Structure formats: C-alpha cells, structure tokens
Amino acid sequence: MTIKLLVPETLWRDTSTLMRQYARKRVEAGCFWYGIRHDDSSIAATIGIPRQKNRPGNFHVEADDLATLVTTACAPGLVTVAQLHLHPDDDVDHSSWDNGQIVSRKILSIVIPNYGAQPFSLGTLGVHTFEHDQWRRLSTREAQQAVQVIRAVVDTR
C-alpha cells in the first residue's frame, strides 16, 4: 500500500526556493520533510536541510549531521515523512547510491530533476515507495494520488 502524503502549498513552494541554491552550483543535494505520520498517511509540516557534502553526481549526509538536524530543528513529536533530493538531469529514478542514502523505508523518497532549477511540479518528480523489499518508482497517476499539495487554511476565529 502506498503512503499518502499531504504537503501544504507553502512548504512545497519553500522547498523549491531553498533547493534552487544547489541548482545554481549544479550539485545534488537533499532535504527532509518532517511531520505527523499515522498508519498509511502523513502530513508534512516543516523542511530540514542538514549539513551535507554536495557533488555534481551525488550528495551525502553524515549520520551525526542528520542527528543534529533532528534534535535542533525538528519540533518534538514530528517524524521524517519524506526525503527529497536533486538529480542533475531529467532522470528521476533511484540509483543504487540513492537506495543506500534513504533514512527510512516508511517514507516517500522524492527525486527532483535538473538540480531543482525550475519551480518543480508533481508531474516532473520521481516519487518512490519501499514495497516488497525494494524501492519502486510510482507512476505519474500513483504519484499524484500519493502526494497531494493542499492549501493551508488558518482559522482566525
């Protein structure tokens, strides 16, 4: 069963903006969405970008740097709901390197093409889920069902 992830449009936009700094350098980079997970659905609440080593063909986050991000930037009770990273071209499939860099099999792994140079849309991303002991890229239709960008509504009453 594919995880359903709700992403506030402000977080979607902020992620696109933040990842553009790596596009200018033409290097791969990664970030995490933290939020609330319940059974087969999640809602993303915030983005975290750990200290990392960025190269044109891959990126790497040391375990200590990930732990620092989680303990200093993540509100209590939030968990990782998605891991996102940039690829240098239109290929949004997982590589064996990508498989080894995932922090959890309970999250979605989202690959952003072209170093995230353009504001990205769901149709251009590779959305991956862990099923039957391997990562599987979802079809465009499945990805649109799995990741839904929602308007954030604030009740000021």
C-alpha atoms as a PDB file:
ATOM      1  CA  MET A   1       0.000   0.000   0.000  1.00  0.00           C
ATOM      2  CA  THR A   2       1.326   3.420  -0.973  1.00  0.00           C
ATOM      3  CA  ILE A   3       1.686   6.094   1.680  1.00  0.00           C
ATOM      4  CA  LYS A   4      -0.446   9.202   1.211  1.00  0.00           C
ATOM      5  CA  LEU A   5       1.387  12.442   1.941  1.00  0.00           C
ATOM      6  CA  LEU A   6      -0.306  15.831   2.283  1.00  0.00           C
ATOM      7  CA  VAL A   7       2.000  18.803   1.687  1.00  0.00           C
ATOM      8  CA  PRO A   8       0.943  22.396   2.414  1.00  0.00           C
ATOM      9  CA  GLU A   9       1.476  24.574  -0.665  1.00  0.00           C
ATOM     10  CA  THR A  10       3.689  26.946   1.342  1.00  0.00           C
ATOM     11  CA  LEU A  11       6.046  24.062   2.215  1.00  0.00           C
ATOM     12  CA  TRP A  12       6.044  22.939  -1.430  1.00  0.00           C
ATOM     13  CA  ARG A  13       6.990  26.456  -2.553  1.00  0.00           C
ATOM     14  CA  ASP A  14       9.590  26.924   0.186  1.00  0.00           C
ATOM     15  CA  THR A  15      11.239  23.620  -0.724  1.00  0.00           C
ATOM     16  CA  SER A  16      11.506  24.664  -4.369  1.00  0.00           C
ATOM     17  CA  THR A  17      13.018  28.001  -3.378  1.00  0.00           C
ATOM     18  CA  LEU A  18      15.502  26.535  -0.879  1.00  0.00           C
ATOM     19  CA  MET A  19      16.717  23.835  -3.245  1.00  0.00           C
ATOM     20  CA  ARG A  20      17.425  26.366  -6.014  1.00  0.00           C
ATOM     21  CA  GLN A  21      20.641  27.386  -4.252  1.00  0.00           C
ATOM     22  CA  TYR A  22      22.048  23.993  -5.234  1.00  0.00           C
ATOM     23  CA  ALA A  23      20.833  24.366  -8.817  1.00  0.00           C
ATOM     24  CA  ARG A  24      22.984  27.487  -9.172  1.00  0.00           C
ATOM     25  CA  LYS A  25      26.003  25.441  -8.025  1.00  0.00           C
ATOM     26  CA  ARG A  26      24.941  22.471 -10.221  1.00  0.00           C
ATOM     27  CA  VAL A  27      25.275  19.930  -7.421  1.00  0.00           C
ATOM     28  CA  GLU A  28      22.989  17.294  -5.962  1.00  0.00           C
ATOM     29  CA  ALA A  29      21.508  17.989  -2.537  1.00  0.00           C
ATOM     30  CA  GLY A  30      18.944  16.541  -0.175  1.00  0.00           C
ATOM     31  CA  CYS A  31      16.395  17.650   2.356  1.00  0.00           C
ATOM     32  CA  PHE A  32      13.738  16.141   4.570  1.00  0.00           C
ATOM     33  CA  TRP A  33      10.119  16.885   5.267  1.00  0.00           C
ATOM     34  CA  TYR A  34       9.088  16.324   8.869  1.00  0.00           C
ATOM     35  CA  GLY A  35       5.529  15.991  10.005  1.00  0.00           C
ATOM     36  CA  ILE A  36       2.951  13.683  11.513  1.00  0.00           C
ATOM     37  CA  ARG A  37       2.503  10.095  10.353  1.00  0.00           C
ATOM     38  CA  HIS A  38      -0.494   7.921  11.068  1.00  0.00           C
ATOM     39  CA  ASP A  39      -0.765   4.399   9.619  1.00  0.00           C
ATOM     40  CA  ASP A  40      -0.713   4.902   5.827  1.00  0.00           C
ATOM     41  CA  SER A  41      -0.981   8.708   5.679  1.00  0.00           C
ATOM     42  CA  SER A  42       1.186  11.656   6.673  1.00  0.00           C
ATOM     43  CA  ILE A  43       1.167  15.423   6.636  1.00  0.00           C
ATOM     44  CA  ALA A  44       4.366  17.380   6.128  1.00  0.00           C
ATOM     45  CA  ALA A  45       4.872  20.342   8.441  1.00  0.00           C
ATOM     46  CA  THR A  46       8.439  21.586   8.002  1.00  0.00           C
ATOM     47  CA  ILE A  47      11.583  21.205   5.929  1.00  0.00           C
ATOM     48  CA  GLY A  48      15.041  20.374   7.215  1.00  0.00           C
ATOM     49  CA  ILE A  49      18.271  20.686   5.260  1.00  0.00           C
ATOM     50  CA  PRO A  50      21.182  19.005   7.040  1.00  0.00           C
ATOM     51  CA  ARG A  51      24.852  19.795   6.615  1.00  0.00           C
ATOM     52  CA  GLN A  52      25.947  17.693   3.651  1.00  0.00           C
ATOM     53  CA  LYS A  53      28.615  17.058   1.048  1.00  0.00           C
ATOM     54  CA  ASN A  54      27.334  18.131  -2.358  1.00  0.00           C
ATOM     55  CA  ARG A  55      28.811  16.988  -5.676  1.00  0.00           C
ATOM     56  CA  PRO A  56      27.541  17.119  -9.276  1.00  0.00           C
ATOM     57  CA  GLY A  57      26.689  13.379  -9.248  1.00  0.00           C
ATOM     58  CA  ASN A  58      25.588  12.734  -5.653  1.00  0.00           C
ATOM     59  CA  PHE A  59      25.342  14.067  -2.122  1.00  0.00           C
ATOM     60  CA  HIS A  60      25.983  12.578   1.293  1.00  0.00           C
ATOM     61  CA  VAL A  61      24.757  13.346   4.808  1.00  0.00           C
ATOM     62  CA  GLU A  62      26.795  12.034   7.730  1.00  0.00           C
ATOM     63  CA  ALA A  63      24.756  10.307  10.459  1.00  0.00           C
ATOM     64  CA  ASP A  64      25.882  12.874  13.045  1.00  0.00           C
ATOM     65  CA  ASP A  65      24.721  15.750  10.832  1.00  0.00           C
ATOM     66  CA  LEU A  66      21.327  14.127  10.389  1.00  0.00           C
ATOM     67  CA  ALA A  67      21.046  13.573  14.145  1.00  0.00           C
ATOM     68  CA  THR A  68      21.947  17.227  14.766  1.00  0.00           C
ATOM     69  CA  LEU A  69      19.231  18.358  12.354  1.00  0.00           C
ATOM     70  CA  VAL A  70      16.612  16.192  14.016  1.00  0.00           C
ATOM     71  CA  THR A  71      17.493  17.291  17.549  1.00  0.00           C
ATOM     72  CA  THR A  72      17.932  21.009  16.845  1.00  0.00           C
ATOM     73  CA  ALA A  73      15.492  21.841  14.062  1.00  0.00           C
ATOM     74  CA  CYS A  74      12.650  19.399  14.425  1.00  0.00           C
ATOM     75  CA  ALA A  75       9.767  20.077  16.799  1.00  0.00           C
ATOM     76  CA  PRO A  76       9.042  17.328  19.349  1.00  0.00           C
ATOM     77  CA  GLY A  77       6.685  14.680  18.012  1.00  0.00           C
ATOM     78  CA  LEU A  78       7.500  15.230  14.332  1.00  0.00           C
ATOM     79  CA  VAL A  79       8.984  12.398  12.290  1.00  0.00           C
ATOM     80  CA  THR A  80      10.501  12.131   8.836  1.00  0.00           C
ATOM     81  CA  VAL A  81       7.699  11.764   6.281  1.00  0.00           C
ATOM     82  CA  ALA A  82       9.692  12.253   3.046  1.00  0.00           C
ATOM     83  CA  GLN A  83      13.232  12.519   1.813  1.00  0.00           C
ATOM     84  CA  LEU A  84      13.868  14.665  -1.253  1.00  0.00           C
ATOM     85  CA  HIS A  85      16.966  15.007  -3.367  1.00  0.00           C
ATOM     86  CA  LEU A  86      18.133  16.543  -6.614  1.00  0.00           C
ATOM     87  CA  HIS A  87      19.330  14.795  -9.755  1.00  0.00           C
ATOM     88  CA  PRO A  88      21.437  16.516 -12.428  1.00  0.00           C
ATOM     89  CA  ASP A  89      19.147  15.747 -15.381  1.00  0.00           C
ATOM     90  CA  ASP A  90      15.635  14.545 -16.238  1.00  0.00           C
ATOM     91  CA  ASP A  91      16.263  11.052 -14.807  1.00  0.00           C
ATOM     92  CA  VAL A  92      14.244  10.725 -11.593  1.00  0.00           C
ATOM     93  CA  ASP A  93      14.780   7.006 -10.978  1.00  0.00           C
ATOM     94  CA  HIS A  94      16.594   5.801  -7.855  1.00  0.00           C
ATOM     95  CA  SER A  95      20.192   4.765  -8.287  1.00  0.00           C
ATOM     96  CA  SER A  96      21.833   2.164  -6.068  1.00  0.00           C
ATOM     97  CA  TRP A  97      23.549   5.128  -4.322  1.00  0.00           C
ATOM     98  CA  ASP A  98      20.107   6.656  -3.668  1.00  0.00           C
ATOM     99  CA  ASN A  99      18.847   3.386  -2.198  1.00  0.00           C
ATOM    100  CA  GLY A 100      21.692   3.409   0.301  1.00  0.00           C
ATOM    101  CA  GLN A 101      21.103   7.012   1.394  1.00  0.00           C
ATOM    102  CA  ILE A 102      17.460   6.673   2.448  1.00  0.00           C
ATOM    103  CA  VAL A 103      16.883   7.218   6.170  1.00  0.00           C
ATOM    104  CA  SER A 104      13.710   5.109   6.433  1.00  0.00           C
ATOM    105  CA  ARG A 105      11.658   2.656   4.430  1.00  0.00           C
ATOM    106  CA  LYS A 106       8.453   4.113   5.918  1.00  0.00           C
ATOM    107  CA  ILE A 107       8.725   7.385   3.996  1.00  0.00           C
ATOM    108  CA  LEU A 108       8.402   8.540   0.419  1.00  0.00           C
ATOM    109  CA  SER A 109      11.587   9.281  -1.480  1.00  0.00           C
ATOM    110  CA  ILE A 110      11.163  12.122  -3.947  1.00  0.00           C
ATOM    111  CA  VAL A 111      13.673  12.803  -6.726  1.00  0.00           C
ATOM    112  CA  ILE A 112      13.719  16.296  -8.243  1.00  0.00           C
ATOM    113  CA  PRO A 113      15.140  16.664 -11.793  1.00  0.00           C
ATOM    114  CA  ASN A 114      17.613  19.188 -13.189  1.00  0.00           C
ATOM    115  CA  TYR A 115      19.080  20.130  -9.803  1.00  0.00           C
ATOM    116  CA  GLY A 116      15.724  21.706  -8.936  1.00  0.00           C
ATOM    117  CA  ALA A 117      16.448  24.648 -11.248  1.00  0.00           C
ATOM    118  CA  GLN A 118      12.804  25.309 -12.044  1.00  0.00           C
ATOM    119  CA  PRO A 119       9.901  25.507  -9.650  1.00  0.00           C
ATOM    120  CA  PHE A 120       9.007  21.841  -9.741  1.00  0.00           C
ATOM    121  CA  SER A 121       5.665  20.224 -10.308  1.00  0.00           C
ATOM    122  CA  LEU A 122       4.488  16.824  -9.208  1.00  0.00           C
ATOM    123  CA  GLY A 123       4.418  15.570 -12.804  1.00  0.00           C
ATOM    124  CA  THR A 124       8.187  16.019 -13.182  1.00  0.00           C
ATOM    125  CA  LEU A 125       9.245  14.341  -9.928  1.00  0.00           C
ATOM    126  CA  GLY A 126      10.121  10.735  -9.246  1.00  0.00           C
ATOM    127  CA  VAL A 127       8.131   9.535  -6.245  1.00  0.00           C
ATOM    128  CA  HIS A 128       9.377   6.270  -4.766  1.00  0.00           C
ATOM    129  CA  THR A 129       7.975   3.939  -2.136  1.00  0.00           C
ATOM    130  CA  PHE A 130       9.502   0.895  -0.479  1.00  0.00           C
ATOM    131  CA  GLU A 131       7.498  -2.233  -1.333  1.00  0.00           C
ATOM    132  CA  HIS A 132       8.377  -5.930  -1.357  1.00  0.00           C
ATOM    133  CA  ASP A 133      11.955  -5.304  -0.172  1.00  0.00           C
ATOM    134  CA  GLN A 134      12.797  -2.736  -2.858  1.00  0.00           C
ATOM    135  CA  TRP A 135      12.241   0.872  -3.881  1.00  0.00           C
ATOM    136  CA  ARG A 136       9.657   1.331  -6.624  1.00  0.00           C
ATOM    137  CA  ARG A 137       9.001   4.475  -8.613  1.00  0.00           C
ATOM    138  CA  LEU A 138       5.308   5.298  -8.716  1.00  0.00           C
ATOM    139  CA  SER A 139       3.572   6.021 -11.991  1.00  0.00           C
ATOM    140  CA  THR A 140       2.571   9.645 -12.545  1.00  0.00           C
ATOM    141  CA  ARG A 141      -1.013   8.792 -11.598  1.00  0.00           C
ATOM    142  CA  GLU A 142       0.075   6.943  -8.448  1.00  0.00           C
ATOM    143  CA  ALA A 143       2.409   9.810  -7.506  1.00  0.00           C
ATOM    144  CA  GLN A 144      -0.409  12.339  -7.843  1.00  0.00           C
ATOM    145  CA  GLN A 145      -2.545  10.205  -5.540  1.00  0.00           C
ATOM    146  CA  ALA A 146       0.294   9.648  -3.072  1.00  0.00           C
ATOM    147  CA  VAL A 147       1.490  13.263  -2.786  1.00  0.00           C
ATOM    148  CA  GLN A 148      -1.153  15.937  -2.618  1.00  0.00           C
ATOM    149  CA  VAL A 149      -0.373  19.619  -2.297  1.00  0.00           C
ATOM    150  CA  ILE A 150      -3.009  21.287  -0.145  1.00  0.00           C
ATOM    151  CA  ARG A 151      -3.894  24.863   0.703  1.00  0.00           C
ATOM    152  CA  ALA A 152      -3.030  25.785   4.234  1.00  0.00           C
ATOM    153  CA  VAL A 153      -6.076  27.322   5.862  1.00  0.00           C
ATOM    154  CA  VAL A 154      -5.798  29.234   9.101  1.00  0.00           C
ATOM    155  CA  ASP A 155      -8.916  29.767  11.200  1.00  0.00           C
ATOM    156  CA  THR A 156      -8.568  33.144  12.891  1.00  0.00           C
ATOM    157  CA  ARG A 157     -11.768  32.927  14.948  1.00  0.00           C
END
